[in-house]
Protein backbone atom coordinates (compact mmCIF):
# COMPACT_ATOMS: atom_id res chain seq x y z
CA UNK A 1 0.00 0.00 0.00
CA UNK A 2 1.43 3.37 -1.02
CA UNK A 3 1.68 6.41 1.25
CA UNK A 4 -1.00 8.20 -0.77
CA UNK A 5 -3.36 5.26 -0.21
CA UNK A 6 -2.64 5.41 3.53
CA UNK A 7 -3.28 9.16 3.67
CA UNK A 8 -6.56 8.77 1.79
CA UNK A 9 -7.64 5.98 4.15
CA UNK A 10 -6.73 8.09 7.19
CA UNK A 11 -8.88 11.00 6.05
CA UNK A 12 -11.81 8.79 5.13
CA UNK A 13 -11.76 7.08 8.52
CA UNK A 14 -11.46 10.39 10.36
CA UNK A 15 -14.47 11.70 8.44
CA UNK A 16 -16.73 8.63 8.68
CA UNK A 17 -15.68 6.75 11.82
CA UNK A 18 -14.08 9.36 14.06
CA UNK A 19 -11.06 9.01 16.31
CA UNK A 20 -11.87 5.48 17.52
CA UNK A 21 -12.04 4.04 13.99
CA UNK A 22 -8.84 5.83 12.96
CA UNK A 23 -6.88 4.60 15.97
CA UNK A 24 -8.15 1.04 15.47
CA UNK A 25 -7.01 1.08 11.86
CA UNK A 26 -3.60 2.48 12.78
CA UNK A 27 -3.13 -0.26 15.40
CA UNK A 28 -4.04 -2.96 12.87
CA UNK A 29 -1.93 -1.39 10.10
CA UNK A 30 1.17 -1.03 12.27
CA UNK A 31 0.77 -4.19 14.37
CA UNK A 32 1.01 -2.58 17.83
CA UNK A 33 -0.78 -0.45 20.43
CA UNK A 34 -1.94 2.95 19.20
CA UNK A 35 -3.72 5.60 21.23
CA UNK A 36 -3.89 9.20 22.44
CA UNK A 37 -2.13 10.01 25.71
CA UNK A 38 -2.60 13.21 27.67
CA UNK A 39 0.22 14.67 29.68
CA UNK A 40 -2.33 15.91 32.26
CA UNK A 41 -4.19 12.61 32.75
CA UNK A 42 -2.29 9.93 30.85
CA UNK A 43 -4.01 6.89 32.30
CA UNK A 44 -7.56 8.10 31.65
CA UNK A 45 -6.83 9.39 28.16
CA UNK A 46 -4.86 6.32 27.19
CA UNK A 47 -7.61 4.01 28.36
CA UNK A 48 -10.25 5.99 26.48
CA UNK A 49 -8.36 6.13 23.22
CA UNK A 50 -6.87 2.65 23.40
CA UNK A 51 -10.19 0.72 23.36
CA UNK A 52 -10.37 0.21 27.15
CA UNK A 53 -6.72 -0.83 27.55
CA UNK A 54 -4.42 1.24 29.72
CA UNK A 55 -1.70 3.13 27.92
CA UNK A 56 1.67 1.34 28.05
CA UNK A 57 4.17 2.80 30.49
CA UNK A 58 6.56 3.85 27.70
CA UNK A 59 3.79 5.87 26.01
CA UNK A 60 2.88 7.62 29.27
CA UNK A 61 6.54 8.41 30.06
CA UNK A 62 7.19 9.61 26.51
CA UNK A 63 4.18 11.94 26.50
CA UNK A 64 5.29 13.46 29.81
CA UNK A 65 8.86 14.02 28.56
CA UNK A 66 7.62 15.60 25.32
CA UNK A 67 5.43 18.02 27.27
CA UNK A 68 8.29 18.88 29.62
CA UNK A 69 10.77 19.51 26.80
CA UNK A 70 8.34 21.20 24.42
CA UNK A 71 9.17 18.95 21.43
CA UNK A 72 6.71 17.88 18.75
CA UNK A 73 7.88 14.31 18.11
CA UNK A 74 10.06 11.68 19.74
CA UNK A 75 11.05 8.02 19.65
CA UNK A 76 11.75 5.93 22.75
CA UNK A 77 13.50 2.58 22.45
CA UNK A 78 12.68 -0.09 24.98
CA UNK A 79 13.27 -3.78 25.42
CA UNK A 80 12.08 -5.23 22.12
CA UNK A 81 9.82 -2.28 21.30
CA UNK A 82 9.87 1.27 20.01
CA UNK A 83 7.47 4.04 21.07
CA UNK A 84 6.76 6.64 18.40
CA UNK A 85 5.17 9.89 19.62
CA UNK A 86 3.70 12.87 17.75
CA UNK A 87 2.22 15.92 19.47
CA UNK A 88 -1.42 16.71 18.69
CA UNK A 89 -2.71 19.68 20.71
CA UNK A 90 -3.45 20.78 24.27
CA UNK A 91 -0.94 18.39 25.79
CA UNK A 92 -2.18 15.33 23.92
CA UNK A 93 0.10 12.97 22.07
CA UNK A 94 -0.47 10.32 19.43
CA UNK A 95 1.53 7.31 20.61
CA UNK A 96 2.28 3.97 18.97
CA UNK A 97 4.11 1.19 20.80
CA UNK A 98 5.45 -1.13 18.08
CA UNK A 99 7.62 -4.26 18.06
CA UNK A 100 11.14 -3.99 16.78
CA UNK A 101 11.63 -4.14 13.86
CA UNK A 102 8.49 -2.22 12.86
CA UNK A 103 7.28 -1.17 9.43
CA UNK A 104 9.61 1.45 7.92
CA UNK A 105 6.62 3.62 6.88
CA UNK A 106 5.30 3.80 10.47
CA UNK A 107 6.78 7.27 11.32
CA UNK A 108 5.44 8.84 8.12
CA UNK A 109 2.02 7.24 8.57
CA UNK A 110 1.72 8.48 12.17
CA UNK A 111 2.85 11.97 11.15
CA UNK A 112 0.25 12.02 8.35
CA UNK A 113 -2.47 10.84 10.78
CA UNK A 114 -1.67 13.41 13.49
CA UNK A 115 -3.36 16.42 11.83
CA UNK A 116 -6.73 14.77 10.91
CA UNK A 117 -6.77 13.01 14.29
CA UNK A 118 -6.31 16.32 16.13
CA UNK A 119 -9.12 17.87 14.08
CA UNK A 120 -11.56 15.02 14.65
CA UNK A 121 -10.79 14.98 18.39
CA UNK A 122 -11.65 18.68 18.61
CA UNK A 123 -14.87 18.09 16.65
CA UNK A 124 -15.87 15.23 18.93
CA UNK A 125 -15.20 17.33 22.01
CA UNK A 126 -17.34 20.14 20.57
CA UNK A 127 -20.19 17.69 19.97
CA UNK A 128 -19.87 16.40 23.52
CA UNK A 129 -19.97 19.94 24.91
CA UNK A 130 -23.02 20.72 22.80
CA UNK A 131 -24.76 17.56 24.00
CA UNK A 132 -23.95 18.38 27.64
CA UNK A 133 -25.24 21.93 27.13
CA UNK A 134 -28.49 20.58 25.63
CA UNK A 135 -28.97 18.23 28.58
CA UNK A 136 -28.24 21.06 31.02
CA UNK A 137 -30.76 23.35 29.32
CA UNK A 138 -33.43 20.62 29.26
CA UNK A 139 -32.95 20.01 32.98
CA UNK A 140 -33.01 23.73 33.74
CA UNK A 141 -36.30 24.08 31.85
CA UNK A 142 -37.66 21.10 33.75
CA UNK A 143 -36.60 22.79 37.00
CA UNK A 144 -38.47 25.95 35.97
CA UNK A 145 -41.58 23.86 35.32
CA UNK A 146 -41.23 22.23 38.74
CA UNK A 147 -40.95 25.66 40.38
CA UNK A 148 -44.05 26.89 38.56
CA UNK A 149 -46.03 23.86 39.64
CA UNK A 150 -45.07 24.58 43.26
CA UNK A 151 -45.91 28.28 43.13
CA UNK A 152 -42.34 29.61 43.26
CA UNK A 153 -42.73 32.17 40.51
CA UNK A 154 -39.87 34.48 41.46
CA UNK A 155 -37.21 31.77 41.25
CA UNK A 156 -38.77 30.38 38.08
CA UNK A 157 -38.55 33.82 36.43
CA UNK A 158 -34.88 34.20 37.42
CA UNK A 159 -33.87 30.89 35.81
CA UNK A 160 -36.10 31.35 32.76
CA UNK A 161 -34.57 34.76 31.98
CA UNK A 162 -31.20 33.06 31.48
CA UNK A 163 -32.71 30.54 29.05
CA UNK A 164 -35.04 32.83 27.06
CA UNK A 165 -37.69 33.58 26.13
CA UNK A 166 -39.31 35.08 29.20
CA UNK A 167 -42.12 33.16 30.83
CA UNK A 168 -45.45 34.37 29.38
CA UNK A 169 -48.04 35.91 31.67
CA UNK A 170 -50.95 35.58 30.96
CA UNK A 171 -50.59 32.40 28.97
CA UNK A 172 -52.17 29.31 27.51
CA UNK A 173 -50.63 25.93 28.16
CA UNK A 174 -50.45 23.30 25.43
CA UNK A 175 -49.68 19.63 26.06
CA UNK A 176 -48.56 18.00 22.80
CA UNK A 177 -48.40 14.22 22.60
CA UNK A 178 -46.28 12.79 19.78
CA UNK A 179 -43.72 10.14 19.00
CA UNK A 180 -40.43 10.80 20.79
CA UNK A 181 -38.61 11.14 17.48
CA UNK A 182 -40.88 14.02 16.41
CA UNK A 183 -40.69 16.16 19.57
CA UNK A 184 -37.89 18.32 18.17
CA UNK A 185 -39.94 19.00 15.03
CA UNK A 186 -43.02 19.86 17.11
CA UNK A 187 -40.93 22.27 19.21
CA UNK A 188 -39.52 23.89 16.04
CA UNK A 189 -42.97 24.38 14.52
CA UNK A 190 -44.18 25.84 17.80
CA UNK A 191 -41.39 28.43 17.87
CA UNK A 192 -41.96 29.35 14.22
CA UNK A 193 -45.70 29.75 14.74
CA UNK A 194 -45.27 32.01 17.79
CA UNK A 195 -42.31 34.06 16.60
CA UNK A 196 -40.01 32.43 19.18
CA UNK A 197 -42.22 33.48 22.10
CA UNK A 198 -43.23 29.99 23.24
CA UNK A 199 -41.59 28.42 26.27
CA UNK A 200 -41.12 24.69 25.62
CA UNK A 201 -40.12 21.93 28.04
CA UNK A 202 -40.13 18.18 27.68
CA UNK A 203 -42.46 16.58 30.19
CA UNK A 204 -40.42 14.91 32.96
CA UNK A 205 -43.15 12.28 33.50
CA UNK A 206 -44.53 11.31 30.08
CA UNK A 207 -41.79 10.84 27.48
CA UNK A 208 -44.17 11.49 24.55
CA UNK A 209 -45.34 14.86 25.91
CA UNK A 210 -44.15 18.41 25.35
CA UNK A 211 -45.42 21.14 27.67
CA UNK A 212 -45.67 24.51 25.95
CA UNK A 213 -46.42 27.89 27.53
CA UNK A 214 -47.62 30.38 24.92
CA UNK A 215 -48.38 34.09 25.46
CA UNK A 216 -52.12 34.61 25.44
CA UNK A 217 -51.81 37.09 22.55
CA UNK A 218 -49.38 35.03 20.46
CA UNK A 219 -52.04 33.53 18.21
CA UNK A 220 -55.63 34.44 17.38
CA UNK A 221 -57.62 31.72 19.17
CA UNK A 222 -61.39 31.35 19.03
CA UNK A 223 -63.75 28.76 20.43
CA UNK A 224 -63.49 26.60 17.30
CA UNK A 225 -60.14 27.66 15.82
CA UNK A 226 -56.61 27.33 17.17
CA UNK A 227 -53.96 27.78 14.44
CA UNK A 228 -51.08 26.75 16.71
CA UNK A 229 -52.74 23.49 17.76
CA UNK A 230 -53.55 22.79 14.12
CA UNK A 231 -49.93 23.42 13.09
CA UNK A 232 -48.63 21.09 15.79
CA UNK A 233 -50.97 18.22 14.90
CA UNK A 234 -50.00 18.63 11.23
CA UNK A 235 -46.43 17.61 12.09
CA UNK A 236 -47.42 13.99 12.53
CA UNK A 237 -50.61 11.95 12.12
CA UNK A 238 -49.99 10.46 15.58
CA UNK A 239 -49.79 13.87 17.30
CA UNK A 240 -52.54 15.15 19.63
CA UNK A 241 -52.72 18.48 21.46
CA UNK A 242 -54.67 19.64 24.51
CA UNK A 243 -55.03 23.37 25.23
CA UNK A 244 -55.86 25.12 28.49
CA UNK A 245 -57.87 28.28 28.92
CA UNK A 246 -56.21 31.69 29.25
CA UNK A 247 -54.72 31.87 32.76
CA UNK A 248 -52.16 33.79 34.78
CA UNK A 249 -48.72 32.24 35.10
CA UNK A 250 -49.34 31.68 38.80
CA UNK A 251 -52.11 29.27 37.81
CA UNK A 252 -49.72 26.95 35.97
CA UNK A 253 -50.87 23.83 37.88
CA UNK A 254 -54.48 24.53 36.88
CA UNK A 255 -53.41 25.23 33.28
CA UNK A 256 -51.56 21.92 33.10
CA UNK A 257 -54.54 19.99 34.45
CA UNK A 258 -56.83 21.70 31.95
CA UNK A 259 -54.52 20.99 29.02
CA UNK A 260 -54.09 17.38 30.13
CA UNK A 261 -57.86 16.86 30.30
CA UNK A 262 -58.23 18.47 26.87
CA UNK A 263 -55.60 16.06 25.52
CA UNK A 264 -57.77 13.11 26.59
CA UNK A 265 -60.58 14.58 24.46
CA UNK A 266 -58.27 15.41 21.53
CA UNK A 267 -57.22 11.78 21.07
CA UNK A 268 -60.76 10.89 20.02
CA UNK A 269 -61.30 13.79 17.61
CA UNK A 270 -60.57 13.89 13.92
CA UNK A 271 -58.67 17.18 14.17
CA UNK A 272 -56.58 15.70 17.04
CA UNK A 273 -56.68 18.85 19.17
CA UNK A 274 -59.10 20.23 21.74
CA UNK A 275 -59.46 23.14 24.15
CA UNK A 276 -60.41 22.60 27.76
CA UNK A 277 -64.18 22.57 28.04
CA UNK A 278 -65.49 25.35 30.26
CA UNK A 279 -67.01 24.19 33.52
CA UNK A 280 -67.21 24.98 37.21
CA UNK A 281 -63.90 24.95 39.06
CA UNK A 282 -63.90 23.05 42.33
CA UNK A 283 -61.29 25.28 44.00
CA UNK A 284 -63.39 28.40 43.30
CA UNK A 285 -66.62 26.81 44.49
CA UNK A 286 -65.06 25.39 47.66
CA UNK A 287 -62.68 28.19 48.60
CA UNK A 288 -64.85 30.10 51.05
CA UNK A 289 -66.36 27.03 52.68
CA UNK A 290 -63.21 24.88 52.62
CA UNK A 291 -60.22 27.14 53.21
CA UNK A 292 -60.40 26.76 56.98
CA UNK A 293 -60.88 23.01 56.74
CA UNK A 294 -57.92 22.67 54.36
CA UNK A 295 -55.64 24.78 56.58
CA UNK A 296 -56.50 22.71 59.64
CA UNK A 297 -56.03 19.41 57.78
CA UNK A 298 -52.61 20.39 56.43
CA UNK A 299 -51.39 22.20 59.59
CA UNK A 300 -49.33 19.19 60.82
CA UNK A 301 -47.63 19.03 57.41
CA UNK A 302 -46.82 22.77 57.34
CA UNK A 303 -45.54 22.66 60.94
CA UNK A 304 -43.41 19.55 60.43
CA UNK A 305 -39.69 20.00 61.10
CA UNK A 306 -37.42 17.06 60.20
CA UNK A 307 -35.03 15.70 62.78
CA UNK A 308 -32.10 15.68 60.34
CA UNK A 309 -31.21 18.50 57.93
CA UNK A 310 -31.00 16.08 54.98
CA UNK A 311 -34.59 14.86 55.50
CA UNK A 312 -37.50 16.50 53.64
CA UNK A 313 -39.33 19.32 55.41
CA UNK A 314 -42.99 20.22 55.26
CA UNK A 315 -42.78 22.08 51.93
CA UNK A 316 -40.94 19.22 50.25
CA UNK A 317 -43.44 16.71 51.63
CA UNK A 318 -46.25 18.89 50.30
CA UNK A 319 -44.67 18.93 46.83
CA UNK A 320 -44.19 15.17 47.04
CA UNK A 321 -47.84 14.62 47.95
CA UNK A 322 -48.99 16.89 45.12
CA UNK A 323 -46.80 15.06 42.58
CA UNK A 324 -47.91 11.63 43.82
CA UNK A 325 -51.60 12.54 43.66
CA UNK A 326 -51.14 13.78 40.10
CA UNK A 327 -48.86 11.08 38.73
CA UNK A 328 -48.84 8.13 41.15
CA UNK A 329 -45.65 6.05 40.90
CA UNK A 330 -44.52 8.13 37.90
CA UNK A 331 -43.90 11.00 40.33
CA UNK A 332 -40.39 9.58 40.80
CA UNK A 333 -39.49 10.99 37.36
CA UNK A 334 -40.71 14.45 38.30
CA UNK A 335 -39.16 14.51 41.78
CA UNK A 336 -35.96 12.69 40.74
CA UNK A 337 -36.17 10.30 43.69
CA UNK A 338 -36.12 6.51 44.06
CA UNK A 339 -39.46 4.73 44.33
CA UNK A 340 -38.60 3.64 47.87
CA UNK A 341 -37.95 7.28 48.79
CA UNK A 342 -41.31 8.28 47.32
CA UNK A 343 -43.09 5.51 49.22
CA UNK A 344 -41.39 6.51 52.50
CA UNK A 345 -42.40 10.16 52.06
CA UNK A 346 -46.02 9.25 51.33
CA UNK A 347 -46.11 7.07 54.46
CA UNK A 348 -44.81 10.03 56.46
CA UNK A 349 -47.51 12.28 54.98
CA UNK A 350 -50.12 9.67 55.96
CA UNK A 351 -48.78 9.58 59.51
CA UNK A 352 -48.67 13.36 59.89
CA UNK A 353 -52.17 13.91 58.52
CA UNK A 354 -53.85 10.77 59.82
CA UNK A 355 -54.93 9.67 56.33
CA UNK A 356 -54.98 6.36 54.50
CA UNK A 357 -53.76 7.32 51.04
CA UNK A 358 -54.49 3.87 49.71
CA UNK A 359 -58.17 4.88 49.71
CA UNK A 360 -59.71 7.21 47.16
CA UNK A 361 -61.73 9.26 49.71
CA UNK A 362 -58.58 10.26 51.59
CA UNK A 363 -56.75 10.94 48.32
CA UNK A 364 -59.60 13.21 47.21
CA UNK A 365 -59.59 15.05 50.54
CA UNK A 366 -55.86 15.69 50.35
CA UNK A 367 -56.09 16.78 46.72
CA UNK A 368 -58.79 19.34 47.58
CA UNK A 369 -56.89 20.61 50.62
CA UNK A 370 -53.72 21.15 48.59
CA UNK A 371 -55.65 23.13 45.99
CA UNK A 372 -57.29 25.32 48.61
CA UNK A 373 -54.03 26.32 50.33
CA UNK A 374 -50.93 28.03 49.01
CA UNK A 375 -48.39 26.09 51.05
CA UNK A 376 -47.39 29.26 52.91
CA UNK A 377 -49.44 28.37 55.98
CA UNK A 378 -47.16 27.19 58.73
CA UNK A 379 -47.84 26.20 62.28
CA UNK A 380 -45.54 26.91 65.17
CA UNK A 381 -43.01 24.19 65.82
CA UNK A 382 -44.18 21.99 68.64
CA UNK A 383 -47.66 23.57 68.75
CA UNK A 384 -50.69 21.32 68.89
CA UNK A 385 -52.59 21.74 65.60
CA UNK A 386 -56.27 22.52 65.73
CA UNK A 387 -58.62 19.66 64.92
CA UNK A 388 -59.77 19.71 61.32
CA UNK A 389 -63.52 19.96 60.75
CA UNK A 390 -65.13 17.12 58.82
CA UNK A 391 -64.93 17.20 55.03
CA UNK A 392 -68.66 16.44 54.87
CA UNK A 393 -69.36 19.80 56.52
CA UNK A 394 -67.59 21.49 53.61
CA UNK A 395 -69.31 19.38 50.97
CA UNK A 396 -72.76 20.24 52.39
CA UNK A 397 -72.26 23.89 51.43
CA UNK A 398 -74.86 24.90 48.79
CA UNK A 399 -72.11 26.17 46.48
CA UNK A 400 -70.53 22.71 46.50
CA UNK A 401 -73.89 21.12 45.85
CA UNK A 402 -74.38 23.34 42.82
CA UNK A 403 -70.85 22.59 41.61
CA UNK A 404 -71.36 18.83 42.04
CA UNK A 405 -74.60 18.77 40.05
CA UNK A 406 -73.04 20.78 37.23
CA UNK A 407 -69.94 18.58 37.28
CA UNK A 408 -71.94 15.36 37.04
CA UNK A 409 -74.57 16.59 34.58
CA UNK A 410 -72.72 15.12 31.63
CA UNK A 411 -73.10 11.58 32.99
CA UNK A 412 -76.87 11.80 32.55
CA UNK A 413 -76.84 13.88 29.36
CA UNK A 414 -77.96 12.74 25.90
CA UNK A 415 -74.38 12.04 24.79
CA UNK A 416 -73.53 9.83 27.76
CA UNK A 417 -73.21 6.08 27.08
CA UNK A 418 -75.77 3.82 28.79
CA UNK A 419 -74.98 3.20 32.45
CA UNK A 420 -72.34 5.95 32.59
CA UNK A 421 -73.28 7.07 36.10
CA UNK A 422 -73.31 3.50 37.47
CA UNK A 423 -69.97 2.76 35.78
CA UNK A 424 -68.35 5.81 37.37
CA UNK A 425 -69.90 5.15 40.79
CA UNK A 426 -68.66 1.56 40.77
CA UNK A 427 -65.19 2.59 39.64
CA UNK A 428 -64.98 5.22 42.40
CA UNK A 429 -66.32 2.80 45.01
CA UNK A 430 -63.37 0.53 44.26
CA UNK A 431 -60.82 3.34 44.71
CA UNK A 432 -60.61 3.94 40.93
CA UNK A 433 -59.04 0.53 40.38
CA UNK A 434 -59.95 -1.14 37.10
CA UNK A 435 -59.70 -4.81 38.06
CA UNK A 436 -62.13 -4.86 41.02
CA UNK A 437 -64.40 -2.33 39.29
CA UNK A 438 -64.62 -4.56 36.20
CA UNK A 439 -65.47 -7.57 38.36
CA UNK A 440 -68.23 -5.61 40.14
CA UNK A 441 -69.63 -4.44 36.80
CA UNK A 442 -69.50 -7.97 35.38
CA UNK A 443 -67.33 -7.01 32.42
CA UNK A 444 -63.76 -7.63 31.37
CA UNK A 445 -60.99 -5.21 32.31
CA UNK A 446 -60.62 -4.03 28.66
CA UNK A 447 -64.41 -3.60 28.57
CA UNK A 448 -64.35 -1.43 31.70
CA UNK A 449 -61.48 0.58 30.26
CA UNK A 450 -63.45 1.21 27.04
CA UNK A 451 -66.47 2.37 29.03
CA UNK A 452 -64.38 4.86 30.98
CA UNK A 453 -62.65 6.04 27.78
CA UNK A 454 -66.07 6.85 26.26
CA UNK A 455 -67.04 8.72 29.42
CA UNK A 456 -63.83 10.78 29.13
CA UNK A 457 -65.17 12.20 25.87
CA UNK A 458 -68.47 13.12 27.50
CA UNK A 459 -66.93 14.78 30.55
CA UNK A 460 -64.02 16.25 28.53
CA UNK A 461 -61.76 15.15 31.36
CA UNK A 462 -59.07 12.48 31.76
CA UNK A 463 -60.12 9.49 33.89
CA UNK A 464 -57.65 6.73 33.11
CA UNK A 465 -54.39 8.64 32.84
CA UNK A 466 -53.06 10.91 35.57
CA UNK A 467 -53.63 13.69 36.38
CA UNK A 468 -57.15 12.28 36.52
CA UNK A 469 -60.47 13.87 37.42
CA UNK A 470 -61.25 10.95 39.76
CA UNK A 471 -60.77 13.06 42.89
CA UNK A 472 -63.25 15.68 41.72
CA UNK A 473 -65.71 12.98 40.68
CA UNK A 474 -65.57 11.38 44.11
CA UNK A 475 -66.05 14.73 45.83
CA UNK A 476 -68.95 15.57 43.51
CA UNK A 477 -70.69 12.26 44.17
CA UNK A 478 -70.23 12.68 47.91
CA UNK A 479 -71.59 16.24 47.83
CA UNK A 480 -74.60 15.04 45.85
CA UNK A 481 -75.21 12.22 48.32
CA UNK A 482 -75.12 14.65 51.24
CA UNK A 483 -77.54 17.00 49.48
CA UNK A 484 -79.98 14.18 48.86
C-alpha cells in the first residue's frame, strides 16, 4: 500500500468513523498499540483512546517528557519495542508502541495521521460539549416547570430569563403528545408559529409529551379555531394536542390539568386537538367554605420540622404529595427520587395527617386541601394543631352542591353512554381501580377501560391517565349524596 493510499484511508476514517475508527485502523496497520495520551491525565486518556486498555508505560513516560521539553515528536527505544510519539494539541500525544523491527513507513504514517486526528478529536469534544449543554438546558427548563407547579414564581422567572424567552403571563398551556422522534420537530414548529415566544419543556413524567407555555396574545384563538394546535398536529398523524384556557402564570398547575384533560378529548377527535371545556372549578366553588378546613387538615404538614437536615421538610413533603396525587408512581421521574424514597415520604404524609392514602376518599380530601391552600401556611413548631372539621361539613355547602350537580350533569346527558353514572360510581367505590371495578360491573378489564374512555369524551376530562379527574368525581358524588 502506497503512502498516498494510507493518507486517503486516514482522512476517510477520520471523516466517517471518528477518532476510535482511525486509531483502530492504525493499530491494525502497524501491528502494535496505538492511542492518544494526555500529559495531564495519561491513564484516563490512554484508556479511552486505546479501546479500554491502559496506555503502556513507555507511552505515558514519553508523552510526559515531550510536554516537559516542548518537542513535537520523539522516539523511545525499549526492550524489544519502540514508542513513536507525535504531538497533537493541548498536551495530547499520538503514541504507537510497536515491536522492533516495525514497518519502515510507520513514522510517516503516524505523522500524516496526526493532523486529521487532532481535528476530529476537537470536533468530537465540541459535539460532547453541545450535547452536555443541551442536557443542562433541558434540565433547567424542567426545574423551571417544577418551580411553577409549586408556586415559586420568582425563582422560576430568574432561571427562565437566562434561558429565554421570558415566561409568558398571561398564557395558555399546550400539552402536545407525539412520537419521541418528532418532539424536536413539534418544538420547532411551535417556535416558528409564535415568533419564538413559546416556552417549551419536555415533560419529565410522560416521554411522549411536550409542555408549551404560549403568550395569550401570540395567536388568534377562538372557540373553534386554534392555528397553533392545528400546526402542531400537522407535524405527525400520531400527534394530539390539549389546550388550556387563558390563565395567569401563577395558575400553571391549573393550566396543566386543563390541558391534560383536553388532551384526553383530543385523542378521540378527527382534528386531534381540543381546548379545555369550560365548567365549574372546584377550587373556586369550595374556597370560602373549605379554606379553613384545608388549613386545619394540612397544619401538621406545614408545621413539620425534620429531625435531620437532609430529610425533607414540610414544603418538600407537600410537593411530594402533590406530585404523587397527580402522577402516582410516575412522580419519581418528576421529583428525581427513588421509588422507595417516594413511598417513604407518602407514608410520612399519611402519619402526619392521619390519612390512609391507599383509599380514594382520603386521596380526594388531600387533593382538595392542597388546591385550597398556598403552602405558605405554617404552624408553630411543637404547637398542637387545631382539629380539622369534617370534610362532609364542607361538601354540604350549597355552592358545593351546585358545583357537584353541574360537574356530574354530563353523565346523565344525551351524549352519555348507557350506564355511565353507574360505571363511574362503581369505579370510584373501588378506589378507581380497574380490576375490582370490572369484576363488580360484570365485564372484562378491557371492557371497563373502554367504558371509561367513552365517558372521558363526555366529561371532557381524563379518567384513566393521571392527572385524573377521579378526585373531583368522588367529591362531587359525595356532595350530591349529602344534598340528597
